[in-house]
C-alpha atoms as a PDB file:
ATOM      1  CA  UNK A   1      -7.723 -14.180  30.183  1.00  0.00           C
ATOM      2  CA  UNK A   2      -5.741 -16.711  28.169  1.00  0.00           C
ATOM      3  CA  UNK A   3      -8.381 -16.740  25.437  1.00  0.00           C
ATOM      4  CA  UNK A   4      -8.177 -12.948  25.210  1.00  0.00           C
ATOM      5  CA  UNK A   5      -4.404 -13.138  24.837  1.00  0.00           C
ATOM      6  CA  UNK A   6      -4.761 -15.829  22.207  1.00  0.00           C
ATOM      7  CA  UNK A   7      -7.263 -13.716  20.281  1.00  0.00           C
ATOM      8  CA  UNK A   8      -4.940 -10.706  20.433  1.00  0.00           C
ATOM      9  CA  UNK A   9      -2.194 -12.917  19.062  1.00  0.00           C
ATOM     10  CA  UNK A  10      -4.409 -14.043  16.210  1.00  0.00           C
ATOM     11  CA  UNK A  11      -5.016 -10.428  15.280  1.00  0.00           C
ATOM     12  CA  UNK A  12      -1.300  -9.877  14.701  1.00  0.00           C
ATOM     13  CA  UNK A  13      -1.891 -10.564  11.010  1.00  0.00           C
ATOM     14  CA  UNK A  14       0.088  -7.504   9.958  1.00  0.00           C
ATOM     15  CA  UNK A  15       3.257  -9.146  11.236  1.00  0.00           C
ATOM     16  CA  UNK A  16       2.511 -12.267   9.217  1.00  0.00           C
ATOM     17  CA  UNK A  17       1.859 -10.073   6.192  1.00  0.00           C
ATOM     18  CA  UNK A  18       5.300  -8.556   6.622  1.00  0.00           C
ATOM     19  CA  UNK A  19       6.823 -11.993   6.140  1.00  0.00           C
ATOM     20  CA  UNK A  20       4.231 -12.938   3.518  1.00  0.00           C
ATOM     21  CA  UNK A  21       5.407 -10.039   1.375  1.00  0.00           C
ATOM     22  CA  UNK A  22       8.847 -11.594   1.111  1.00  0.00           C
ATOM     23  CA  UNK A  23       7.366 -14.835  -0.191  1.00  0.00           C
ATOM     24  CA  UNK A  24       6.295 -13.121  -3.412  1.00  0.00           C
ATOM     25  CA  UNK A  25       9.931 -13.233  -4.469  1.00  0.00           C
ATOM     26  CA  UNK A  26      10.386 -16.945  -3.863  1.00  0.00           C
ATOM     27  CA  UNK A  27      10.307 -18.183  -7.436  1.00  0.00           C
ATOM     28  CA  UNK A  28      10.907 -14.903  -9.220  1.00  0.00           C
ATOM     29  CA  UNK A  29      14.019 -13.669 -10.975  1.00  0.00           C
ATOM     30  CA  UNK A  30      12.673 -10.146 -11.449  1.00  0.00           C
ATOM     31  CA  UNK A  31      10.404  -7.681  -9.709  1.00  0.00           C
ATOM     32  CA  UNK A  32       6.927  -6.858 -10.913  1.00  0.00           C
ATOM     33  CA  UNK A  33       3.971  -4.592 -10.010  1.00  0.00           C
ATOM     34  CA  UNK A  34       2.563  -7.526  -8.023  1.00  0.00           C
ATOM     35  CA  UNK A  35       5.617  -7.483  -5.772  1.00  0.00           C
ATOM     36  CA  UNK A  36       5.448  -3.737  -5.227  1.00  0.00           C
ATOM     37  CA  UNK A  37       1.755  -3.949  -4.403  1.00  0.00           C
ATOM     38  CA  UNK A  38       2.393  -6.637  -1.822  1.00  0.00           C
ATOM     39  CA  UNK A  39       5.156  -4.618  -0.180  1.00  0.00           C
ATOM     40  CA  UNK A  40       3.153  -1.399  -0.143  1.00  0.00           C
ATOM     41  CA  UNK A  41       0.223  -3.221   1.411  1.00  0.00           C
ATOM     42  CA  UNK A  42       2.277  -4.133   4.470  1.00  0.00           C
ATOM     43  CA  UNK A  43       4.582  -1.125   4.666  1.00  0.00           C
ATOM     44  CA  UNK A  44       3.088   0.314   7.870  1.00  0.00           C
ATOM     45  CA  UNK A  45       5.043  -0.653  10.969  1.00  0.00           C
ATOM     46  CA  UNK A  46       3.398  -3.163  13.257  1.00  0.00           C
ATOM     47  CA  UNK A  47       3.558  -3.889  16.958  1.00  0.00           C
ATOM     48  CA  UNK A  48       4.130  -7.471  17.956  1.00  0.00           C
ATOM     49  CA  UNK A  49       1.922  -8.659  20.805  1.00  0.00           C
ATOM     50  CA  UNK A  50       3.618  -9.915  23.945  1.00  0.00           C
ATOM     51  CA  UNK A  51       3.166 -13.477  25.055  1.00  0.00           C
ATOM     52  CA  UNK A  52       2.497 -14.350  28.640  1.00  0.00           C
ATOM     53  CA  UNK A  53       4.755 -17.157  29.820  1.00  0.00           C
ATOM     54  CA  UNK A  54       2.513 -18.488  32.555  1.00  0.00           C
ATOM     55  CA  UNK A  55      -0.473 -20.734  32.264  1.00  0.00           C
ATOM     56  CA  UNK A  56      -4.079 -19.671  32.780  1.00  0.00           C
ATOM     57  CA  UNK A  57      -3.964 -20.376  36.510  1.00  0.00           C
ATOM     58  CA  UNK A  58      -0.693 -18.463  36.934  1.00  0.00           C
ATOM     59  CA  UNK A  59       1.550 -21.501  37.341  1.00  0.00           C
ATOM     60  CA  UNK A  60       4.684 -22.166  35.307  1.00  0.00           C
ATOM     61  CA  UNK A  61       4.728 -25.420  33.301  1.00  0.00           C
ATOM     62  CA  UNK A  62       7.220 -28.048  34.460  1.00  0.00           C
ATOM     63  CA  UNK A  63      10.055 -29.262  32.229  1.00  0.00           C
ATOM     64  CA  UNK A  64       8.237 -32.505  31.455  1.00  0.00           C
ATOM     65  CA  UNK A  65       5.044 -30.629  30.587  1.00  0.00           C
ATOM     66  CA  UNK A  66       6.973 -28.329  28.262  1.00  0.00           C
ATOM     67  CA  UNK A  67       8.620 -31.249  26.502  1.00  0.00           C
ATOM     68  CA  UNK A  68       5.274 -32.859  25.862  1.00  0.00           C
ATOM     69  CA  UNK A  69       3.645 -29.634  24.702  1.00  0.00           C
ATOM     70  CA  UNK A  70       6.160 -28.090  22.283  1.00  0.00           C
ATOM     71  CA  UNK A  71       7.013 -31.032  20.005  1.00  0.00           C
ATOM     72  CA  UNK A  72       3.602 -31.208  18.284  1.00  0.00           C
ATOM     73  CA  UNK A  73       3.600 -27.441  17.702  1.00  0.00           C
ATOM     74  CA  UNK A  74       6.277 -27.242  15.010  1.00  0.00           C
ATOM     75  CA  UNK A  75       4.232 -29.026  12.303  1.00  0.00           C
ATOM     76  CA  UNK A  76       1.339 -26.698  13.158  1.00  0.00           C
ATOM     77  CA  UNK A  77       3.554 -23.677  12.439  1.00  0.00           C
ATOM     78  CA  UNK A  78       3.688 -24.906   8.836  1.00  0.00           C
ATOM     79  CA  UNK A  79      -0.088 -25.085   8.483  1.00  0.00           C
ATOM     80  CA  UNK A  80      -1.725 -23.351   5.530  1.00  0.00           C
ATOM     81  CA  UNK A  81      -4.302 -21.969   7.981  1.00  0.00           C
ATOM     82  CA  UNK A  82      -3.184 -18.685   9.514  1.00  0.00           C
ATOM     83  CA  UNK A  83      -5.116 -19.088  12.768  1.00  0.00           C
ATOM     84  CA  UNK A  84      -3.550 -22.515  13.286  1.00  0.00           C
ATOM     85  CA  UNK A  85      -0.080 -21.035  12.798  1.00  0.00           C
ATOM     86  CA  UNK A  86      -0.729 -18.135  15.172  1.00  0.00           C
ATOM     87  CA  UNK A  87      -2.224 -20.401  17.826  1.00  0.00           C
ATOM     88  CA  UNK A  88       0.792 -22.711  17.568  1.00  0.00           C
ATOM     89  CA  UNK A  89       3.154 -19.750  17.933  1.00  0.00           C
ATOM     90  CA  UNK A  90       1.231 -18.474  20.930  1.00  0.00           C
ATOM     91  CA  UNK A  91       1.226 -21.884  22.602  1.00  0.00           C
ATOM     92  CA  UNK A  92       4.930 -22.404  21.916  1.00  0.00           C
ATOM     93  CA  UNK A  93       5.957 -19.197  23.638  1.00  0.00           C
ATOM     94  CA  UNK A  94       3.674 -19.836  26.566  1.00  0.00           C
ATOM     95  CA  UNK A  95       5.120 -23.325  26.942  1.00  0.00           C
ATOM     96  CA  UNK A  96       8.728 -22.147  27.246  1.00  0.00           C
ATOM     97  CA  UNK A  97      10.281 -20.900  30.520  1.00  0.00           C
ATOM     98  CA  UNK A  98      10.559 -17.282  29.413  1.00  0.00           C
ATOM     99  CA  UNK A  99      11.911 -14.679  29.876  1.00  0.00           C
ATOM    100  CA  UNK A 100      14.337 -16.286  32.342  1.00  0.00           C
ATOM    101  CA  UNK A 101      15.000 -19.948  31.503  1.00  0.00           C
ATOM    102  CA  UNK A 102      16.482 -22.051  34.318  1.00  0.00           C
ATOM    103  CA  UNK A 103      20.114 -23.184  34.053  1.00  0.00           C
ATOM    104  CA  UNK A 104      20.665 -25.924  31.467  1.00  0.00           C
ATOM    105  CA  UNK A 105      17.184 -25.405  30.018  1.00  0.00           C
ATOM    106  CA  UNK A 106      17.027 -27.686  26.943  1.00  0.00           C
ATOM    107  CA  UNK A 107      13.703 -26.484  25.543  1.00  0.00           C
ATOM    108  CA  UNK A 108      14.422 -22.894  24.533  1.00  0.00           C
ATOM    109  CA  UNK A 109      17.645 -23.704  22.606  1.00  0.00           C
ATOM    110  CA  UNK A 110      15.824 -26.584  20.941  1.00  0.00           C
ATOM    111  CA  UNK A 111      12.931 -24.340  19.941  1.00  0.00           C
ATOM    112  CA  UNK A 112      15.342 -21.783  18.484  1.00  0.00           C
ATOM    113  CA  UNK A 113      17.108 -24.478  16.480  1.00  0.00           C
ATOM    114  CA  UNK A 114      13.846 -25.835  15.087  1.00  0.00           C
ATOM    115  CA  UNK A 115      12.519 -22.377  14.230  1.00  0.00           C
ATOM    116  CA  UNK A 116      15.691 -21.368  12.385  1.00  0.00           C
ATOM    117  CA  UNK A 117      15.721 -24.664  10.490  1.00  0.00           C
ATOM    118  CA  UNK A 118      12.076 -24.176   9.535  1.00  0.00           C
ATOM    119  CA  UNK A 119      12.887 -20.945   7.718  1.00  0.00           C
ATOM    120  CA  UNK A 120      14.508 -22.973   4.937  1.00  0.00           C
ATOM    121  CA  UNK A 121      11.284 -24.793   4.137  1.00  0.00           C
ATOM    122  CA  UNK A 122      10.040 -24.542   0.564  1.00  0.00           C
ATOM    123  CA  UNK A 123       6.542 -24.246   2.061  1.00  0.00           C
ATOM    124  CA  UNK A 124       5.609 -20.546   2.105  1.00  0.00           C
ATOM    125  CA  UNK A 125       3.217 -21.056   5.017  1.00  0.00           C
ATOM    126  CA  UNK A 126       5.993 -22.698   7.030  1.00  0.00           C
ATOM    127  CA  UNK A 127       8.315 -19.749   6.446  1.00  0.00           C
ATOM    128  CA  UNK A 128       5.652 -17.358   7.711  1.00  0.00           C
ATOM    129  CA  UNK A 129       4.790 -19.455  10.751  1.00  0.00           C
ATOM    130  CA  UNK A 130       8.380 -20.118  11.787  1.00  0.00           C
ATOM    131  CA  UNK A 131       9.458 -16.522  11.136  1.00  0.00           C
ATOM    132  CA  UNK A 132       6.688 -15.023  13.276  1.00  0.00           C
ATOM    133  CA  UNK A 133       7.416 -17.462  16.110  1.00  0.00           C
ATOM    134  CA  UNK A 134      11.168 -16.782  15.862  1.00  0.00           C
ATOM    135  CA  UNK A 135      10.707 -12.995  15.946  1.00  0.00           C
ATOM    136  CA  UNK A 136       8.501 -13.197  19.021  1.00  0.00           C
ATOM    137  CA  UNK A 137      10.718 -15.721  20.793  1.00  0.00           C
ATOM    138  CA  UNK A 138      13.892 -13.710  20.216  1.00  0.00           C
ATOM    139  CA  UNK A 139      12.103 -10.590  21.469  1.00  0.00           C
ATOM    140  CA  UNK A 140      11.502 -12.265  24.837  1.00  0.00           C
ATOM    141  CA  UNK A 141      15.033 -13.649  25.281  1.00  0.00           C
ATOM    142  CA  UNK A 142      17.492 -12.111  27.660  1.00  0.00           C
ATOM    143  CA  UNK A 143      20.581 -10.554  26.153  1.00  0.00           C
ATOM    144  CA  UNK A 144      23.058 -13.380  26.537  1.00  0.00           C
ATOM    145  CA  UNK A 145      20.835 -15.889  24.764  1.00  0.00           C
ATOM    146  CA  UNK A 146      19.527 -13.419  22.167  1.00  0.00           C
ATOM    147  CA  UNK A 147      23.117 -12.656  21.145  1.00  0.00           C
ATOM    148  CA  UNK A 148      23.591 -16.272  20.057  1.00  0.00           C
ATOM    149  CA  UNK A 149      20.756 -16.243  17.525  1.00  0.00           C
ATOM    150  CA  UNK A 150      22.521 -14.331  14.735  1.00  0.00           C
ATOM    151  CA  UNK A 151      25.553 -16.691  14.639  1.00  0.00           C
ATOM    152  CA  UNK A 152      23.133 -19.636  14.666  1.00  0.00           C
ATOM    153  CA  UNK A 153      21.211 -18.137  11.763  1.00  0.00           C
ATOM    154  CA  UNK A 154      24.359 -17.494   9.733  1.00  0.00           C
ATOM    155  CA  UNK A 155      25.627 -21.024  10.266  1.00  0.00           C
ATOM    156  CA  UNK A 156      22.296 -22.677   9.484  1.00  0.00           C
ATOM    157  CA  UNK A 157      21.648 -20.697   6.292  1.00  0.00           C
ATOM    158  CA  UNK A 158      25.086 -20.811   4.663  1.00  0.00           C
ATOM    159  CA  UNK A 159      25.092 -23.183   1.667  1.00  0.00           C
ATOM    160  CA  UNK A 160      27.663 -25.960   1.869  1.00  0.00           C
ATOM    161  CA  UNK A 161      29.742 -27.396  -0.917  1.00  0.00           C
ATOM    162  CA  UNK A 162      27.637 -29.682  -3.065  1.00  0.00           C
ATOM    163  CA  UNK A 163      24.360 -27.907  -2.264  1.00  0.00           C
ATOM    164  CA  UNK A 164      22.028 -28.073  -5.264  1.00  0.00           C
ATOM    165  CA  UNK A 165      20.356 -24.982  -6.715  1.00  0.00           C
ATOM    166  CA  UNK A 166      16.975 -25.568  -5.114  1.00  0.00           C
ATOM    167  CA  UNK A 167      18.413 -26.103  -1.640  1.00  0.00           C
ATOM    168  CA  UNK A 168      20.677 -23.085  -2.038  1.00  0.00           C
ATOM    169  CA  UNK A 169      17.666 -20.954  -2.940  1.00  0.00           C
ATOM    170  CA  UNK A 170      15.804 -22.132   0.148  1.00  0.00           C
ATOM    171  CA  UNK A 171      18.827 -21.373   2.364  1.00  0.00           C
ATOM    172  CA  UNK A 172      19.294 -17.892   0.917  1.00  0.00           C
ATOM    173  CA  UNK A 173      15.630 -17.165   1.456  1.00  0.00           C
ATOM    174  CA  UNK A 174      15.916 -18.525   5.010  1.00  0.00           C
ATOM    175  CA  UNK A 175      18.728 -16.055   5.698  1.00  0.00           C
ATOM    176  CA  UNK A 176      16.611 -13.219   4.324  1.00  0.00           C
ATOM    177  CA  UNK A 177      13.554 -14.097   6.407  1.00  0.00           C
ATOM    178  CA  UNK A 178      15.715 -14.836   9.460  1.00  0.00           C
ATOM    179  CA  UNK A 179      17.376 -11.423   9.285  1.00  0.00           C
ATOM    180  CA  UNK A 180      13.932  -9.875   8.980  1.00  0.00           C
ATOM    181  CA  UNK A 181      12.796 -11.780  12.075  1.00  0.00           C
ATOM    182  CA  UNK A 182      15.768 -10.439  14.047  1.00  0.00           C
ATOM    183  CA  UNK A 183      14.978  -6.910  12.923  1.00  0.00           C
ATOM    184  CA  UNK A 184      11.303  -7.270  13.854  1.00  0.00           C
ATOM    185  CA  UNK A 185      12.235  -8.677  17.265  1.00  0.00           C
ATOM    186  CA  UNK A 186      13.917  -5.397  18.221  1.00  0.00           C
ATOM    187  CA  UNK A 187      16.977  -7.010  19.812  1.00  0.00           C
ATOM    188  CA  UNK A 188      19.337  -5.416  17.297  1.00  0.00           C
ATOM    189  CA  UNK A 189      18.511  -1.928  18.603  1.00  0.00           C
ATOM    190  CA  UNK A 190      18.452  -2.637  22.309  1.00  0.00           C
ATOM    191  CA  UNK A 191      20.143   0.326  24.035  1.00  0.00           C
ATOM    192  CA  UNK A 192      22.739  -1.887  25.674  1.00  0.00           C
ATOM    193  CA  UNK A 193      23.810  -5.480  26.049  1.00  0.00           C
ATOM    194  CA  UNK A 194      25.461  -8.173  23.970  1.00  0.00           C
ATOM    195  CA  UNK A 195      22.454  -8.730  21.683  1.00  0.00           C
ATOM    196  CA  UNK A 196      22.900  -5.323  20.038  1.00  0.00           C
ATOM    197  CA  UNK A 197      26.606  -4.988  20.918  1.00  0.00           C
ATOM    198  CA  UNK A 198      26.529  -1.213  20.552  1.00  0.00           C
ATOM    199  CA  UNK A 199      25.147  -1.444  17.023  1.00  0.00           C
ATOM    200  CA  UNK A 200      27.640  -4.027  15.767  1.00  0.00           C
ATOM    201  CA  UNK A 201      24.941  -6.713  15.472  1.00  0.00           C
ATOM    202  CA  UNK A 202      22.770  -4.316  13.446  1.00  0.00           C
ATOM    203  CA  UNK A 203      25.686  -3.609  11.124  1.00  0.00           C
ATOM    204  CA  UNK A 204      26.372  -7.328  10.737  1.00  0.00           C
ATOM    205  CA  UNK A 205      22.771  -8.013   9.701  1.00  0.00           C
ATOM    206  CA  UNK A 206      22.756  -5.150   7.178  1.00  0.00           C
ATOM    207  CA  UNK A 207      26.084  -6.290   5.758  1.00  0.00           C
ATOM    208  CA  UNK A 208      24.736  -9.822   5.481  1.00  0.00           C
ATOM    209  CA  UNK A 209      21.671  -8.527   3.616  1.00  0.00           C
ATOM    210  CA  UNK A 210      23.850  -6.541   1.209  1.00  0.00           C
ATOM    211  CA  UNK A 211      25.978  -9.596   0.489  1.00  0.00           C
ATOM    212  CA  UNK A 212      22.812 -11.627   0.044  1.00  0.00           C
ATOM    213  CA  UNK A 213      21.366  -9.148  -2.425  1.00  0.00           C
ATOM    214  CA  UNK A 214      24.483  -9.348  -4.564  1.00  0.00           C
ATOM    215  CA  UNK A 215      24.327 -13.135  -4.862  1.00  0.00           C
ATOM    216  CA  UNK A 216      21.205 -13.546  -6.958  1.00  0.00           C
ATOM    217  CA  UNK A 217      19.147 -11.041  -8.928  1.00  0.00           C
ATOM    218  CA  UNK A 218      15.841 -12.442  -7.635  1.00  0.00           C
ATOM    219  CA  UNK A 219      16.735 -11.698  -4.014  1.00  0.00           C
ATOM    220  CA  UNK A 220      18.126  -8.184  -4.543  1.00  0.00           C
ATOM    221  CA  UNK A 221      14.887  -6.236  -4.153  1.00  0.00           C
ATOM    222  CA  UNK A 222      13.552  -8.081  -1.086  1.00  0.00           C
ATOM    223  CA  UNK A 223      16.991  -7.785   0.554  1.00  0.00           C
ATOM    224  CA  UNK A 224      16.857  -4.028   0.044  1.00  0.00           C
ATOM    225  CA  UNK A 225      13.348  -3.909   1.467  1.00  0.00           C
ATOM    226  CA  UNK A 226      14.512  -5.675   4.629  1.00  0.00           C
ATOM    227  CA  UNK A 227      17.415  -3.212   4.845  1.00  0.00           C
ATOM    228  CA  UNK A 228      14.899  -0.361   4.795  1.00  0.00           C
ATOM    229  CA  UNK A 229      13.054  -2.099   7.638  1.00  0.00           C
ATOM    230  CA  UNK A 230      16.345  -2.260   9.546  1.00  0.00           C
ATOM    231  CA  UNK A 231      16.936   1.442   8.918  1.00  0.00           C
ATOM    232  CA  UNK A 232      13.506   2.335  10.252  1.00  0.00           C
ATOM    233  CA  UNK A 233      14.048   0.316  13.422  1.00  0.00           C
ATOM    234  CA  UNK A 234      17.417   2.017  13.968  1.00  0.00           C
ATOM    235  CA  UNK A 235      16.182   5.530  13.239  1.00  0.00           C
ATOM    236  CA  UNK A 236      13.247   5.073  15.614  1.00  0.00           C
ATOM    237  CA  UNK A 237      15.435   3.710  18.430  1.00  0.00           C
ATOM    238  CA  UNK A 238      16.800   5.726  21.343  1.00  0.00           C
ATOM    239  CA  UNK A 239      20.196   4.063  21.749  1.00  0.00           C
ATOM    240  CA  UNK A 240      23.248   6.136  22.608  1.00  0.00           C
ATOM    241  CA  UNK A 241      25.097   4.500  19.714  1.00  0.00           C
ATOM    242  CA  UNK A 242      22.334   5.320  17.231  1.00  0.00           C
ATOM    243  CA  UNK A 243      23.975   8.384  15.607  1.00  0.00           C
ATOM    244  CA  UNK A 244      27.273   6.634  15.033  1.00  0.00           C
ATOM    245  CA  UNK A 245      25.529   3.628  13.488  1.00  0.00           C
ATOM    246  CA  UNK A 246      23.416   5.866  11.245  1.00  0.00           C
ATOM    247  CA  UNK A 247      26.609   7.512   9.973  1.00  0.00           C
ATOM    248  CA  UNK A 248      28.017   4.069   9.214  1.00  0.00           C
ATOM    249  CA  UNK A 249      24.817   3.146   7.365  1.00  0.00           C
ATOM    250  CA  UNK A 250      24.876   6.293   5.204  1.00  0.00           C
ATOM    251  CA  UNK A 251      28.516   5.729   4.341  1.00  0.00           C
ATOM    252  CA  UNK A 252      28.118   2.025   3.562  1.00  0.00           C
ATOM    253  CA  UNK A 253      24.743   2.120   1.817  1.00  0.00           C
ATOM    254  CA  UNK A 254      24.992   5.414  -0.080  1.00  0.00           C
ATOM    255  CA  UNK A 255      28.440   7.052  -0.102  1.00  0.00           C
ATOM    256  CA  UNK A 256      30.671   4.010  -0.355  1.00  0.00           C
ATOM    257  CA  UNK A 257      32.690   3.941  -3.587  1.00  0.00           C
ATOM    258  CA  UNK A 258      31.266   0.516  -4.431  1.00  0.00           C
ATOM    259  CA  UNK A 259      27.733   1.854  -4.162  1.00  0.00           C
ATOM    260  CA  UNK A 260      28.479   5.044  -6.080  1.00  0.00           C
ATOM    261  CA  UNK A 261      29.892   2.968  -8.925  1.00  0.00           C
ATOM    262  CA  UNK A 262      26.527   1.237  -9.282  1.00  0.00           C
ATOM    263  CA  UNK A 263      24.750   4.517  -9.946  1.00  0.00           C
ATOM    264  CA  UNK A 264      21.166   5.337  -8.934  1.00  0.00           C
ATOM    265  CA  UNK A 265      19.084   2.192  -9.154  1.00  0.00           C
ATOM    266  CA  UNK A 266      15.679   1.529  -7.550  1.00  0.00           C
ATOM    267  CA  UNK A 267      17.300  -0.136  -4.525  1.00  0.00           C
ATOM    268  CA  UNK A 268      19.558   2.801  -3.693  1.00  0.00           C
ATOM    269  CA  UNK A 269      16.716   5.268  -4.232  1.00  0.00           C
ATOM    270  CA  UNK A 270      14.505   3.293  -1.817  1.00  0.00           C
ATOM    271  CA  UNK A 271      17.209   3.458   0.862  1.00  0.00           C
ATOM    272  CA  UNK A 272      17.791   7.191   0.366  1.00  0.00           C
ATOM    273  CA  UNK A 273      14.059   7.901   0.506  1.00  0.00           C
ATOM    274  CA  UNK A 274      13.846   6.191   3.893  1.00  0.00           C
ATOM    275  CA  UNK A 275      16.837   8.197   5.155  1.00  0.00           C
ATOM    276  CA  UNK A 276      15.321  11.407   3.815  1.00  0.00           C
ATOM    277  CA  UNK A 277      11.988  10.687   5.472  1.00  0.00           C
ATOM    278  CA  UNK A 278      13.810  10.737   8.824  1.00  0.00           C
ATOM    279  CA  UNK A 279      15.808  13.852   7.916  1.00  0.00           C
ATOM    280  CA  UNK A 280      19.129  12.020   7.715  1.00  0.00           C
ATOM    281  CA  UNK A 281      20.331  12.835   4.181  1.00  0.00           C
ATOM    282  CA  UNK A 282      19.572  15.481   1.621  1.00  0.00           C
ATOM    283  CA  UNK A 283      20.355  14.810  -2.014  1.00  0.00           C
ATOM    284  CA  UNK A 284      18.794  15.056  -5.432  1.00  0.00           C
ATOM    285  CA  UNK A 285      18.311  12.211  -7.846  1.00  0.00           C
ATOM    286  CA  UNK A 286      19.538  12.366 -11.424  1.00  0.00           C
END
């Protein structure tokens, strides 16, 4: 049974490709047909497989067993081999006491910290491995703990004074991929609870992505693409606060005076096309 679950996990390549698409922008200051091809190739929504948190014989690993098992997994998440990364992600989640960690559990917070830190790696394979593991881990967390991930991400990916250009670039990219991981986890559109906070967490992530896209020209297009992913997850949700949040999104992303002043660029058109595809807005392009 465990081997079947592991194989199903390995087949979740579409999710890795979602994060892989963002890596095409890593060292680029402009978009190109190569970028668009990569994004189109992975545009279809994917379902993330669920991880079982018990061992093959049905028992739950002890705290000492978890400590011994998770530490060697983080370097494996940075492997250039996709199967190695997916196996490490699978093993990590099955080694943690999820979905209900015991009081004062040190392993899950530690894993979250390591995964968020790993997003800032200059190794493209590491970003993919850590992002996939983070998205799946956050998906399994209960609300109270899931709500803490976004503040952790913001703190860990904000450049400090004296940060050099290369490190700043890695941190900005970590924020981008981290926001994408939160969106893919689904916690931002949970119908209720502190993780979604009635849509406020979703708004915060979108606002963060907009700010990010305005910082550097090379990160503008991928930031917009992640925003479109966020829109799709919201528009496909069934939350009571969905309609109000969609209205906020239309106002902030399309009708806001700051956005109107920028005119109709490719980024704004991409956002409007997503909204139109769900029957939200109707407008003509110049």
